[in-house]
Amino acid sequence: MYAICILVGIFVALWLTGRRWKARGGEPDIVESIAFWAIPFGIVGGRLYHVISTPGPYFGEGGHPWNAFKIWEGGLGIWGAVALGAVGAWIGARRAGVSFTAFADAVAPGILLAQAIGRLGNYFNQELFGGPTDLPWGLQIDEAFRPVGYEAFATFHPTFLYEMLWNLAGVGVILWADRRFKLWGGRVFWLYVAVYTSGRLWIETVRIDTAVHILGLRVNVWVAALVLAMSIVMFLVMGARQRRLAEVPAWSTLAASPLRSGDRADSASSAPEDGGDDADPGAGTLEGESDVVGNPDDAPSAQ
């Protein structure tokens, strides 16, 4: 069921991203082309992060290294999934000749929605729950799945449910903010990062599953705090840069595919020799895109 939840989340994310990409003036089939690269990269990245940050079940005492390949049993770290998935998306966007940051803005709420759906898999696997509780919504955990030291407790905080609800609310906030303020140039993506990490920060403190600790705190608490701070800075800095632009691109043209160099050469060769009014050397590009929105020929670190 965990794998099914992940697959459903991916399909729903693709559906939402396709609608948002089209609303921004993009070609719908571009989404599938980029997803072809982003999804495998994301799955590998998510699994790598999980195994590295929680090595005990695989390389610790009584661990089984081959279990690291059993993704269907659970264990995908969102940090690694987004980081390596972004590399795959950048490759896909570059090959498709579209703006990477425009795609990042289009896919952001879809990622959070996929995360919410994927959390249902934790329920079926009886994993990633919190400490003991007698609250009405406490989750009944079979004794075989209770951590060492908690065998005497029957009900636990359903932290995966908390995260699922937080993510669903976050999707609503992102879609509202995007529609209300016409965000662009990567700001939707960084808003997504801020919304998710602000929730993950407190939810992580409730969880009791095995994790590496640094200075008494779970490693994911530190990661969430650092990424949250970075996302807020990026969101504000990008906003300040965009406000200095003399002209803001139309929201419905953000995903329009810029002409590739070869296409421009063909257009130039077919244009009137006297460079008359029919020639348009800037066709297919947005003013200021190379500075803020992102050019597909730029390196990933520039996005």
Protein backbone atom coordinates (compact mmCIF):
# COMPACT_ATOMS: atom_id res chain seq x y z
CA MET A 1 0.00 0.00 0.00
CA TYR A 2 2.92 2.33 0.66
CA ALA A 3 4.05 2.08 -2.97
CA ILE A 4 0.48 2.62 -4.19
CA CYS A 5 0.17 5.78 -2.11
CA ILE A 6 3.44 7.07 -3.55
CA LEU A 7 2.28 6.34 -7.12
CA VAL A 8 -1.11 7.99 -6.57
CA GLY A 9 0.67 11.04 -5.16
CA ILE A 10 2.91 11.24 -8.22
CA PHE A 11 -0.03 11.05 -10.64
CA VAL A 12 -2.01 13.69 -8.75
CA ALA A 13 1.06 15.95 -8.69
CA LEU A 14 1.49 15.56 -12.44
CA TRP A 15 -2.18 16.43 -12.99
CA LEU A 16 -1.98 19.59 -10.89
CA THR A 17 1.35 20.61 -12.39
CA GLY A 18 -0.01 20.16 -15.91
CA ARG A 19 -2.91 22.50 -15.17
CA ARG A 20 -0.63 25.11 -13.63
CA TRP A 21 1.94 24.83 -16.42
CA LYS A 22 -0.73 25.33 -19.06
CA ALA A 23 -2.14 28.34 -17.18
CA ARG A 24 1.33 29.87 -17.38
CA GLY A 25 1.40 29.48 -21.15
CA GLY A 26 3.36 26.24 -21.30
CA GLU A 27 2.85 23.18 -23.46
CA PRO A 28 1.24 20.35 -21.41
CA ASP A 29 3.49 17.60 -22.78
CA ILE A 30 6.54 19.41 -21.39
CA VAL A 31 5.50 18.36 -17.87
CA GLU A 32 5.72 14.65 -18.72
CA SER A 33 9.08 15.20 -20.43
CA ILE A 34 10.56 16.83 -17.33
CA ALA A 35 8.91 14.31 -15.00
CA PHE A 36 10.67 11.52 -16.91
CA TRP A 37 13.90 12.84 -15.39
CA ALA A 38 12.69 14.31 -12.10
CA ILE A 39 10.77 11.32 -10.71
CA PRO A 40 13.54 8.67 -10.88
CA PHE A 41 16.07 11.17 -9.56
CA GLY A 42 13.71 12.07 -6.72
CA ILE A 43 13.08 8.45 -5.71
CA VAL A 44 16.79 7.65 -5.67
CA GLY A 45 17.57 10.84 -3.75
CA GLY A 46 14.85 10.19 -1.21
CA ARG A 47 16.04 6.67 -0.57
CA LEU A 48 19.68 7.70 -0.30
CA TYR A 49 18.88 10.36 2.28
CA HIS A 50 16.79 7.94 4.32
CA VAL A 51 19.47 5.25 4.35
CA ILE A 52 22.24 7.72 5.18
CA SER A 53 20.29 9.48 7.94
CA THR A 54 18.86 6.23 9.39
CA PRO A 55 21.57 3.61 8.81
CA GLY A 56 20.74 1.36 11.77
CA PRO A 57 18.11 -0.89 10.10
CA TYR A 58 20.48 -1.52 7.19
CA PHE A 59 24.05 -1.41 8.48
CA GLY A 60 23.66 -1.54 12.26
CA GLU A 61 23.53 -4.57 14.54
CA GLY A 62 21.06 -7.04 13.09
CA GLY A 63 20.58 -4.87 10.02
CA HIS A 64 20.23 -6.14 6.46
CA PRO A 65 21.99 -4.02 3.78
CA TRP A 66 19.85 -5.45 0.99
CA ASN A 67 16.74 -4.01 2.66
CA ALA A 68 17.98 -0.59 1.59
CA PHE A 69 16.64 -1.44 -1.87
CA LYS A 70 13.14 -2.32 -0.63
CA ILE A 71 11.60 1.08 -1.23
CA TRP A 72 8.07 -0.35 -1.16
CA GLU A 73 8.51 -1.08 2.55
CA GLY A 74 8.84 2.63 3.29
CA GLY A 75 11.67 5.05 3.81
CA LEU A 76 11.98 8.05 1.48
CA GLY A 77 13.58 11.22 2.84
CA ILE A 78 11.89 14.29 1.38
CA TRP A 79 15.08 16.32 1.62
CA GLY A 80 16.96 13.99 -0.69
CA ALA A 81 13.93 13.53 -2.94
CA VAL A 82 13.52 17.26 -3.56
CA ALA A 83 17.26 17.94 -3.88
CA LEU A 84 18.05 15.18 -6.37
CA GLY A 85 14.63 15.51 -8.00
CA ALA A 86 15.48 19.16 -8.70
CA VAL A 87 18.63 18.03 -10.51
CA GLY A 88 16.52 15.73 -12.66
CA ALA A 89 14.00 18.51 -13.31
CA TRP A 90 16.81 20.86 -14.31
CA ILE A 91 18.10 18.29 -16.81
CA GLY A 92 14.58 17.82 -18.17
CA ALA A 93 13.93 21.56 -18.41
CA ARG A 94 17.25 22.12 -20.14
CA ARG A 95 16.52 19.40 -22.69
CA ALA A 96 13.02 20.80 -23.27
CA GLY A 97 14.33 24.35 -23.62
CA VAL A 98 12.14 25.87 -20.90
CA SER A 99 12.77 27.85 -17.75
CA PHE A 100 13.70 25.66 -14.79
CA THR A 101 12.41 28.17 -12.25
CA ALA A 102 9.10 28.51 -14.10
CA PHE A 103 8.69 24.74 -13.83
CA ALA A 104 9.70 24.77 -10.17
CA ASP A 105 6.95 27.29 -9.48
CA ALA A 106 4.41 25.22 -11.38
CA VAL A 107 5.26 21.93 -9.66
CA ALA A 108 5.69 23.22 -6.08
CA PRO A 109 2.11 22.75 -4.78
CA GLY A 110 1.92 19.42 -6.58
CA ILE A 111 4.95 18.17 -4.66
CA LEU A 112 3.33 19.10 -1.35
CA LEU A 113 0.08 17.41 -2.40
CA ALA A 114 2.00 14.26 -3.34
CA GLN A 115 3.71 14.32 0.06
CA ALA A 116 0.31 14.49 1.77
CA ILE A 117 -0.98 11.48 -0.15
CA GLY A 118 2.24 9.57 0.36
CA ARG A 119 1.91 9.94 4.14
CA LEU A 120 -1.08 7.59 4.02
CA GLY A 121 1.41 4.82 3.29
CA ASN A 122 2.90 5.31 6.75
CA TYR A 123 -0.47 4.34 8.23
CA PHE A 124 -0.51 1.00 6.46
CA ASN A 125 3.13 0.34 7.39
CA GLN A 126 2.54 1.42 11.01
CA GLU A 127 5.61 3.67 10.98
CA LEU A 128 6.72 7.24 11.65
CA PHE A 129 4.35 7.78 14.55
CA GLY A 130 4.96 9.90 17.64
CA GLY A 131 5.08 9.36 21.35
CA PRO A 132 2.39 7.63 23.43
CA THR A 133 -0.92 9.47 23.85
CA ASP A 134 -4.40 8.85 25.22
CA LEU A 135 -6.00 11.50 23.00
CA PRO A 136 -9.13 10.42 21.09
CA TRP A 137 -7.25 10.36 17.80
CA GLY A 138 -4.38 8.28 19.16
CA LEU A 139 -3.23 5.59 16.73
CA GLN A 140 -3.37 1.91 17.74
CA ILE A 141 0.00 0.31 16.94
CA ASP A 142 0.53 -3.44 16.92
CA GLU A 143 3.05 -4.61 19.49
CA ALA A 144 5.38 -5.89 16.79
CA PHE A 145 5.82 -2.31 15.49
CA ARG A 146 6.31 -0.54 18.81
CA PRO A 147 9.82 0.82 19.42
CA VAL A 148 12.00 -0.56 22.18
CA GLY A 149 10.95 0.94 25.48
CA TYR A 150 7.39 1.61 24.34
CA GLU A 151 6.05 -1.95 24.38
CA ALA A 152 3.65 -1.17 27.24
CA PHE A 153 1.88 1.60 25.30
CA ALA A 154 -0.90 0.90 22.81
CA THR A 155 -1.79 4.27 21.24
CA PHE A 156 0.59 6.85 19.78
CA HIS A 157 0.52 10.28 18.11
CA PRO A 158 -0.23 9.82 14.38
CA THR A 159 2.47 12.26 13.31
CA PHE A 160 2.11 11.23 9.67
CA LEU A 161 -1.53 12.35 9.91
CA TYR A 162 -0.43 15.68 11.37
CA GLU A 163 1.97 16.14 8.48
CA MET A 164 -0.64 15.11 5.91
CA LEU A 165 -3.12 17.68 7.23
CA TRP A 166 -0.41 20.33 7.42
CA ASN A 167 0.58 19.64 3.82
CA LEU A 168 -3.00 19.80 2.56
CA ALA A 169 -3.49 23.14 4.30
CA GLY A 170 -0.16 24.25 2.83
CA VAL A 171 -1.31 23.42 -0.69
CA GLY A 172 -4.29 25.70 -0.16
CA VAL A 173 -2.08 28.52 1.15
CA ILE A 174 0.35 28.24 -1.77
CA LEU A 175 -2.39 28.18 -4.41
CA TRP A 176 -4.09 31.18 -2.79
CA ALA A 177 -0.87 33.19 -2.48
CA ASP A 178 0.15 32.36 -6.04
CA ARG A 179 -3.21 33.46 -7.40
CA ARG A 180 -3.45 36.52 -5.16
CA PHE A 181 0.08 37.89 -5.64
CA LYS A 182 1.02 36.39 -9.04
CA LEU A 183 4.27 34.94 -7.73
CA TRP A 184 6.98 34.00 -10.23
CA GLY A 185 10.71 33.53 -10.72
CA GLY A 186 11.08 30.75 -8.13
CA ARG A 187 9.12 32.40 -5.30
CA VAL A 188 6.32 29.79 -5.37
CA PHE A 189 8.88 27.04 -4.92
CA TRP A 190 10.57 28.75 -1.97
CA LEU A 191 7.17 29.44 -0.42
CA TYR A 192 6.48 25.71 -0.65
CA VAL A 193 9.79 24.96 1.06
CA ALA A 194 9.00 27.43 3.86
CA VAL A 195 5.49 26.06 4.39
CA TYR A 196 6.63 22.45 4.52
CA THR A 197 9.68 22.93 6.73
CA SER A 198 7.80 25.08 9.24
CA GLY A 199 5.45 22.15 9.81
CA ARG A 200 8.11 19.46 9.68
CA LEU A 201 10.12 21.35 12.30
CA TRP A 202 7.57 20.81 15.08
CA ILE A 203 6.24 17.47 13.87
CA GLU A 204 9.75 16.02 13.92
CA THR A 205 10.03 16.76 17.65
CA VAL A 206 7.03 14.48 18.33
CA ARG A 207 8.33 11.45 16.43
CA ILE A 208 10.06 8.59 18.26
CA ASP A 209 11.32 6.44 15.38
CA THR A 210 15.02 5.69 15.08
CA ALA A 211 17.09 8.68 13.95
CA VAL A 212 20.56 10.15 14.17
CA HIS A 213 20.84 12.86 16.86
CA ILE A 214 23.09 15.92 16.87
CA LEU A 215 23.43 17.90 20.11
CA GLY A 216 20.40 16.13 21.49
CA LEU A 217 18.12 16.88 18.53
CA ARG A 218 17.07 14.65 15.65
CA VAL A 219 19.06 15.41 12.52
CA ASN A 220 15.87 16.26 10.63
CA VAL A 221 15.09 19.01 13.15
CA TRP A 222 18.38 20.68 12.26
CA VAL A 223 17.81 20.16 8.54
CA ALA A 224 14.27 21.58 8.73
CA ALA A 225 15.45 24.64 10.66
CA LEU A 226 18.31 25.38 8.25
CA VAL A 227 16.21 24.86 5.13
CA LEU A 228 13.39 26.97 6.58
CA ALA A 229 15.77 29.86 7.20
CA MET A 230 17.23 29.53 3.69
CA SER A 231 13.78 29.44 2.07
CA ILE A 232 12.65 32.61 3.85
CA VAL A 233 15.81 34.44 2.77
CA MET A 234 15.45 33.27 -0.84
CA PHE A 235 11.77 34.23 -0.97
CA LEU A 236 12.49 37.74 0.31
CA VAL A 237 15.60 38.30 -1.81
CA MET A 238 13.84 37.19 -4.99
CA GLY A 239 10.92 39.46 -4.18
CA ALA A 240 13.23 42.44 -3.69
CA ARG A 241 14.98 41.75 -7.02
CA GLN A 242 11.71 41.42 -8.88
CA ARG A 243 10.33 44.67 -7.48
CA ARG A 244 13.29 46.50 -9.05
CA LEU A 245 12.35 45.34 -12.53
CA ALA A 246 10.98 47.98 -14.83
CA GLU A 247 8.50 45.54 -16.32
CA VAL A 248 7.03 42.36 -14.83
CA PRO A 249 6.30 39.52 -17.30
CA ALA A 250 2.70 38.52 -17.85
CA TRP A 251 1.75 35.65 -15.54
CA SER A 252 0.20 33.69 -18.43
CA THR A 253 3.51 33.68 -20.35
CA LEU A 254 5.89 32.49 -17.61
CA ALA A 255 6.10 28.93 -18.94
CA ALA A 256 6.25 29.88 -22.62
CA SER A 257 9.11 27.98 -24.25
CA PRO A 258 11.93 30.32 -25.31
CA LEU A 259 13.43 29.67 -28.73
CA ARG A 260 16.56 27.54 -28.71
CA SER A 261 19.70 28.86 -30.35
CA GLY A 262 19.17 26.66 -33.39
CA ASP A 263 15.60 27.86 -33.79
CA ARG A 264 16.77 31.46 -33.58
CA ALA A 265 19.34 30.82 -36.29
CA ASP A 266 16.63 29.37 -38.52
CA SER A 267 14.38 32.34 -37.80
CA ALA A 268 17.19 34.76 -38.52
CA SER A 269 18.00 33.10 -41.85
CA SER A 270 14.37 33.32 -42.94
CA ALA A 271 13.96 36.95 -41.80
CA PRO A 272 14.21 39.87 -44.29
CA GLU A 273 17.86 40.75 -44.99
CA ASP A 274 17.30 44.42 -44.20
CA GLY A 275 16.30 43.52 -40.60
CA GLY A 276 12.89 45.11 -41.03
CA ASP A 277 9.93 45.04 -38.71
CA ASP A 278 9.32 41.33 -39.32
CA ALA A 279 12.53 40.39 -37.52
CA ASP A 280 12.14 39.78 -33.80
CA PRO A 281 15.41 38.70 -32.19
CA GLY A 282 13.84 38.51 -28.74
CA ALA A 283 10.90 36.29 -29.71
CA GLY A 284 9.93 33.63 -27.20
CA THR A 285 11.77 35.20 -24.26
CA LEU A 286 10.63 37.23 -21.32
CA GLU A 287 12.20 40.53 -20.40
CA GLY A 288 14.43 39.99 -17.39
CA GLU A 289 14.05 36.20 -17.51
CA SER A 290 17.76 35.48 -17.58
CA ASP A 291 18.19 37.50 -14.39
CA VAL A 292 15.25 36.32 -12.30
CA VAL A 293 13.05 33.67 -13.87
CA GLY A 294 15.95 31.54 -14.99
CA ASN A 295 17.42 30.54 -18.29
CA PRO A 296 17.51 26.79 -19.09
CA ASP A 297 21.14 27.17 -20.16
CA ASP A 298 22.22 28.33 -16.70
CA ALA A 299 23.86 25.98 -14.23
CA PRO A 300 21.62 24.47 -11.49
CA SER A 301 23.23 26.56 -8.78
CA ALA A 302 22.07 29.70 -10.54
CA GLN A 303 18.42 28.75 -10.12
